[in-house]
Amino acid sequence: MFKYLTIVIAVATLLCCGTSGGKKESMTTPVKEPVRYTFRVINTYPHSTQSYTQGLEYVEGTMWEGTGLNGMSYLQTISLLNGKVTHVNKLPNSEFGEGITLLDGKIYQLTWQSHTAHIYDLKTKKHIQKARYKGEGWGLANDGERIYLSDGTSTIRIIERDTFKQSGSIEVTLRGQRVELLNELEWIEGKIWANIYTTHFIIIINPKNGEVEGIANLEGILPPEQTDENTDVLNGIAYDNEQKRIFVTGKNWPKIFEIELIEI
């Protein structure tokens, strides 16, 4: 999932420091600033450092995870009690797994560049269908009716379930500038939350107009002493809709964090 370093720097600068250069805002045009958040860790749970997290979803007491890397891409469940991983399905070695979402008794799992979504039955955990889509697949979320797909650009595609045909799109912007590298997605209380790839930022997006309404800075959530040479970037957002709990983790991280956002 390599992207040019200049894009990474530009996105991080936009999220951290605002705009720089380019066309200036009119003195009469109000600039809507996003709410800034830091975080508080409420609980931690074990997470396998062998799991290259691409998608995270909490539904009815079960933590689901989709992992990536060729030959190591799984749909699996995680025990929050002891971190035990149970593999539900292994993708073909030629496929690089990506985001997941659960909707109406089905689990949807993307692949990065194989243009294939795998669909499973939630109760039986059996693979039941494949769907094709154009372009890359990065993250998935749903609002209870429609599926939202990210592809590493600033565009979130609105996808029809099962057919995966695109029915619309959302252009994500901050102060009028596009926000690239949208990765893992989660629908939380009417908003789309998105990891920004290679950064420690999560943004909160208004799905009606694509505006970034909040920016959460999770820098330092994983202490340096808990990292090693395999530890990769922050990625993975899950929401417990019943108890209103927010979970985050990262690729090959040893912990899942339950957090609370605190407005700065």
Protein backbone atom coordinates (compact mmCIF):
# COMPACT_ATOMS: atom_id res chain seq x y z
CA MET A 1 0.00 0.00 0.00
CA PHE A 2 2.89 2.28 -0.88
CA LYS A 3 2.18 5.95 -1.45
CA TYR A 4 4.54 8.76 -2.38
CA LEU A 5 6.19 10.39 0.61
CA THR A 6 5.13 13.84 -0.58
CA ILE A 7 1.45 12.85 -0.28
CA VAL A 8 2.01 11.57 3.25
CA ILE A 9 3.74 14.78 4.28
CA ALA A 10 1.04 16.95 2.70
CA VAL A 11 -1.78 15.09 4.44
CA ALA A 12 -0.04 15.10 7.82
CA THR A 13 0.64 18.83 7.47
CA LEU A 14 -2.98 19.53 6.59
CA LEU A 15 -4.30 17.58 9.58
CA CYS A 16 -1.77 18.88 12.04
CA CYS A 17 -1.07 22.41 10.94
CA GLY A 18 -3.76 23.49 8.50
CA THR A 19 -3.34 24.88 5.03
CA SER A 20 -0.15 26.29 3.60
CA GLY A 21 0.36 28.09 0.33
CA GLY A 22 -2.07 28.00 -2.55
CA LYS A 23 -5.14 30.15 -2.90
CA LYS A 24 -5.93 32.21 0.17
CA GLU A 25 -9.34 32.15 1.75
CA SER A 26 -11.51 35.19 1.17
CA MET A 27 -11.73 37.47 4.17
CA THR A 28 -15.51 37.15 3.97
CA THR A 29 -15.55 33.37 3.66
CA PRO A 30 -15.79 31.65 7.04
CA VAL A 31 -13.46 28.68 7.48
CA LYS A 32 -15.03 25.86 9.42
CA GLU A 33 -12.46 24.44 11.79
CA PRO A 34 -12.77 20.81 12.88
CA VAL A 35 -13.01 19.91 16.55
CA ARG A 36 -9.65 18.72 17.85
CA TYR A 37 -9.43 15.71 20.15
CA THR A 38 -6.89 13.94 22.26
CA PHE A 39 -7.69 10.64 23.95
CA ARG A 40 -7.95 8.75 27.21
CA VAL A 41 -7.34 5.01 27.39
CA ILE A 42 -10.15 3.31 29.29
CA ASN A 43 -9.12 -0.34 28.86
CA THR A 44 -6.60 -2.43 26.97
CA TYR A 45 -7.04 -5.88 25.51
CA PRO A 46 -4.52 -8.34 24.03
CA HIS A 47 -3.99 -8.38 20.27
CA SER A 48 -1.87 -10.73 18.20
CA THR A 49 1.31 -9.19 16.84
CA GLN A 50 0.91 -11.58 13.90
CA SER A 51 -2.25 -9.77 12.78
CA TYR A 52 -1.68 -7.12 10.13
CA THR A 53 -4.92 -5.31 10.89
CA GLN A 54 -6.93 -3.99 7.94
CA GLY A 55 -10.46 -3.97 9.31
CA LEU A 56 -11.97 -4.14 12.79
CA GLU A 57 -15.62 -4.56 13.73
CA TYR A 58 -17.45 -5.25 17.01
CA VAL A 59 -20.89 -6.80 16.71
CA GLU A 60 -23.01 -8.55 19.35
CA GLY A 61 -20.13 -9.25 21.70
CA THR A 62 -17.70 -10.46 19.05
CA MET A 63 -14.63 -8.62 17.79
CA TRP A 64 -14.07 -9.35 14.11
CA GLU A 65 -10.86 -8.59 12.27
CA GLY A 66 -9.71 -8.67 8.67
CA THR A 67 -5.97 -8.95 8.13
CA GLY A 68 -3.67 -8.32 5.19
CA LEU A 69 -0.44 -9.39 3.50
CA ASN A 70 -0.29 -12.06 0.83
CA GLY A 71 -0.48 -15.51 2.35
CA MET A 72 -1.49 -14.09 5.75
CA SER A 73 -4.88 -12.55 4.98
CA TYR A 74 -7.68 -13.83 7.19
CA LEU A 75 -11.16 -13.13 8.41
CA GLN A 76 -10.98 -13.90 12.11
CA THR A 77 -12.42 -13.26 15.54
CA ILE A 78 -10.56 -12.06 18.62
CA SER A 79 -11.29 -12.83 22.26
CA LEU A 80 -11.03 -9.59 24.20
CA LEU A 81 -10.50 -11.68 27.32
CA ASN A 82 -7.29 -13.42 26.29
CA GLY A 83 -6.54 -12.31 22.73
CA LYS A 84 -7.18 -15.75 21.26
CA VAL A 85 -7.55 -15.59 17.48
CA THR A 86 -9.95 -17.90 15.66
CA HIS A 87 -9.55 -18.02 11.90
CA VAL A 88 -12.86 -18.04 10.04
CA ASN A 89 -11.45 -17.97 6.50
CA LYS A 90 -8.07 -17.66 4.84
CA LEU A 91 -7.92 -15.75 1.58
CA PRO A 92 -6.00 -17.17 -1.39
CA ASN A 93 -2.26 -16.47 -1.21
CA SER A 94 -2.62 -14.22 -4.25
CA GLU A 95 -5.00 -11.88 -2.40
CA PHE A 96 -4.13 -9.12 0.07
CA GLY A 97 -7.00 -8.73 2.54
CA GLU A 98 -8.38 -5.33 3.47
CA GLY A 99 -11.31 -3.77 5.36
CA ILE A 100 -14.41 -5.53 6.67
CA THR A 101 -17.96 -4.60 7.64
CA LEU A 102 -20.99 -6.51 8.96
CA LEU A 103 -24.46 -5.78 7.60
CA ASP A 104 -27.76 -7.69 7.85
CA GLY A 105 -26.26 -11.02 8.79
CA LYS A 106 -23.41 -10.88 6.30
CA ILE A 107 -19.71 -10.08 6.61
CA TYR A 108 -18.00 -8.26 3.76
CA GLN A 109 -14.23 -8.36 3.28
CA LEU A 110 -12.26 -6.36 0.72
CA THR A 111 -9.05 -7.17 -1.09
CA TRP A 112 -6.47 -4.57 -2.00
CA GLN A 113 -5.84 -5.00 -5.71
CA SER A 114 -7.74 -8.18 -6.61
CA HIS A 115 -11.01 -6.26 -7.19
CA THR A 116 -12.85 -8.90 -5.16
CA ALA A 117 -15.05 -8.67 -2.08
CA HIS A 118 -15.66 -11.85 -0.11
CA ILE A 119 -19.07 -12.25 1.52
CA TYR A 120 -19.78 -14.57 4.44
CA ASP A 121 -22.86 -15.64 6.38
CA LEU A 122 -22.56 -14.29 9.92
CA LYS A 123 -24.30 -17.23 11.65
CA THR A 124 -22.63 -20.10 9.81
CA LYS A 125 -19.37 -18.21 9.12
CA LYS A 126 -19.37 -19.79 5.68
CA HIS A 127 -18.14 -18.08 2.54
CA ILE A 128 -21.23 -17.61 0.38
CA GLN A 129 -20.45 -15.15 -2.39
CA LYS A 130 -17.93 -12.98 -4.19
CA ALA A 131 -18.50 -9.53 -5.66
CA ARG A 132 -16.33 -7.57 -8.05
CA TYR A 133 -15.48 -3.87 -7.95
CA LYS A 134 -13.20 -1.49 -9.81
CA GLY A 135 -10.06 0.02 -8.38
CA GLU A 136 -8.42 -0.69 -5.05
CA GLY A 137 -10.15 -1.65 -1.82
CA TRP A 138 -8.94 -0.28 1.52
CA GLY A 139 -11.66 0.26 4.14
CA LEU A 140 -15.34 -0.59 4.63
CA ALA A 141 -18.18 0.70 6.81
CA ASN A 142 -21.97 0.79 6.62
CA ASP A 143 -24.84 2.92 7.89
CA GLY A 144 -27.29 0.05 8.20
CA GLU A 145 -28.36 0.33 4.58
CA ARG A 146 -25.45 1.28 2.35
CA ILE A 147 -21.79 0.32 2.32
CA TYR A 148 -18.98 2.87 2.20
CA LEU A 149 -15.64 1.94 0.59
CA SER A 150 -12.31 3.77 0.75
CA ASP A 151 -9.53 3.25 -1.77
CA GLY A 152 -6.65 5.32 -0.43
CA THR A 153 -7.76 8.51 -2.17
CA SER A 154 -9.92 11.34 -0.84
CA THR A 155 -13.06 9.69 -2.25
CA ILE A 156 -15.37 7.37 -0.32
CA ARG A 157 -17.50 5.30 -2.66
CA ILE A 158 -21.10 4.44 -1.80
CA ILE A 159 -21.65 0.79 -2.70
CA GLU A 160 -24.78 -1.31 -3.09
CA ARG A 161 -24.66 -4.44 -0.98
CA ASP A 162 -24.04 -7.78 -2.68
CA THR A 163 -23.56 -6.32 -6.18
CA PHE A 164 -20.93 -3.81 -5.03
CA LYS A 165 -22.02 -1.46 -7.77
CA GLN A 166 -21.24 2.17 -7.01
CA SER A 167 -24.29 4.36 -6.46
CA GLY A 168 -22.57 7.54 -5.34
CA SER A 169 -19.47 9.02 -3.75
CA ILE A 170 -18.31 11.40 -1.03
CA GLU A 171 -15.35 13.73 -1.53
CA VAL A 172 -13.68 14.24 1.83
CA THR A 173 -12.33 17.73 2.46
CA LEU A 174 -10.79 19.78 5.24
CA ARG A 175 -11.00 23.56 4.83
CA GLY A 176 -11.80 22.94 1.18
CA GLN A 177 -8.76 20.74 0.57
CA ARG A 178 -9.03 17.06 -0.22
CA VAL A 179 -7.85 14.62 2.43
CA GLU A 180 -6.01 11.69 0.84
CA LEU A 181 -5.01 8.27 2.20
CA LEU A 182 -8.40 7.37 3.68
CA ASN A 183 -8.01 3.85 5.01
CA GLU A 184 -10.00 1.85 7.60
CA LEU A 185 -13.54 3.17 8.09
CA GLU A 186 -16.16 2.92 10.84
CA TRP A 187 -19.69 4.31 11.11
CA ILE A 188 -20.17 5.87 14.55
CA GLU A 189 -23.30 7.76 15.55
CA GLY A 190 -24.08 9.07 12.08
CA LYS A 191 -20.51 9.96 11.12
CA ILE A 192 -17.76 8.17 9.22
CA TRP A 193 -14.53 7.75 11.13
CA ALA A 194 -11.40 7.10 9.07
CA ASN A 195 -7.81 6.21 9.76
CA ILE A 196 -5.39 8.25 7.67
CA TYR A 197 -2.79 5.78 6.42
CA THR A 198 0.75 6.10 7.86
CA THR A 199 -0.38 8.69 10.43
CA HIS A 200 -1.64 8.68 14.02
CA PHE A 201 -4.75 10.68 13.03
CA ILE A 202 -8.37 9.60 12.85
CA ILE A 203 -10.79 11.98 11.17
CA ILE A 204 -14.54 12.29 11.69
CA ILE A 205 -16.44 12.93 8.47
CA ASN A 206 -19.93 14.30 7.84
CA PRO A 207 -21.30 11.84 5.24
CA LYS A 208 -23.75 14.44 3.91
CA ASN A 209 -21.09 16.81 2.57
CA GLY A 210 -17.74 15.10 3.14
CA GLU A 211 -16.46 17.78 5.51
CA VAL A 212 -14.02 16.77 8.23
CA GLU A 213 -15.71 17.79 11.47
CA GLY A 214 -13.23 16.28 13.90
CA ILE A 215 -9.57 15.26 14.10
CA ALA A 216 -8.34 12.88 16.78
CA ASN A 217 -4.60 12.78 17.44
CA LEU A 218 -3.67 9.36 18.84
CA GLU A 219 0.08 9.92 18.88
CA GLY A 220 1.71 7.96 21.69
CA ILE A 221 -1.20 5.60 22.34
CA LEU A 222 1.13 2.63 21.89
CA PRO A 223 4.12 3.13 24.21
CA PRO A 224 7.55 2.78 22.53
CA GLU A 225 8.52 -0.06 24.86
CA GLN A 226 5.63 -2.12 23.44
CA THR A 227 6.87 -1.85 19.85
CA ASP A 228 9.40 -3.87 17.88
CA GLU A 229 10.72 -4.07 14.31
CA ASN A 230 7.41 -5.54 13.10
CA THR A 231 5.15 -2.91 14.63
CA ASP A 232 3.39 -0.97 11.90
CA VAL A 233 0.95 1.94 11.74
CA LEU A 234 -2.26 2.76 13.58
CA ASN A 235 -5.16 1.07 11.77
CA GLY A 236 -8.44 -0.39 12.96
CA ILE A 237 -11.54 1.26 14.43
CA ALA A 238 -14.45 -0.63 15.97
CA TYR A 239 -17.56 0.59 17.77
CA ASP A 240 -19.72 -1.19 20.32
CA ASN A 241 -23.08 0.34 19.49
CA GLU A 242 -24.76 -1.03 22.62
CA GLN A 243 -22.25 0.13 25.23
CA LYS A 244 -20.92 3.07 23.15
CA ARG A 245 -17.33 1.85 23.34
CA ILE A 246 -14.64 2.85 20.83
CA PHE A 247 -11.80 0.44 20.06
CA VAL A 248 -8.62 1.11 18.08
CA THR A 249 -5.51 -0.87 17.25
CA GLY A 250 -2.74 -1.06 14.68
CA LYS A 251 -0.98 -3.44 12.33
CA ASN A 252 0.92 -6.05 14.37
CA TRP A 253 0.18 -4.17 17.60
CA PRO A 254 0.15 -6.11 20.90
CA LYS A 255 -2.91 -4.30 22.22
CA ILE A 256 -6.42 -3.18 21.34
CA PHE A 257 -7.28 0.07 23.11
CA GLU A 258 -10.70 1.13 24.31
CA ILE A 259 -10.60 4.91 24.25
CA GLU A 260 -12.57 8.04 24.96
CA LEU A 261 -12.01 11.16 22.86
CA ILE A 262 -11.44 14.38 24.78
CA GLU A 263 -12.00 17.72 23.09
CA ILE A 264 -8.99 20.00 23.24
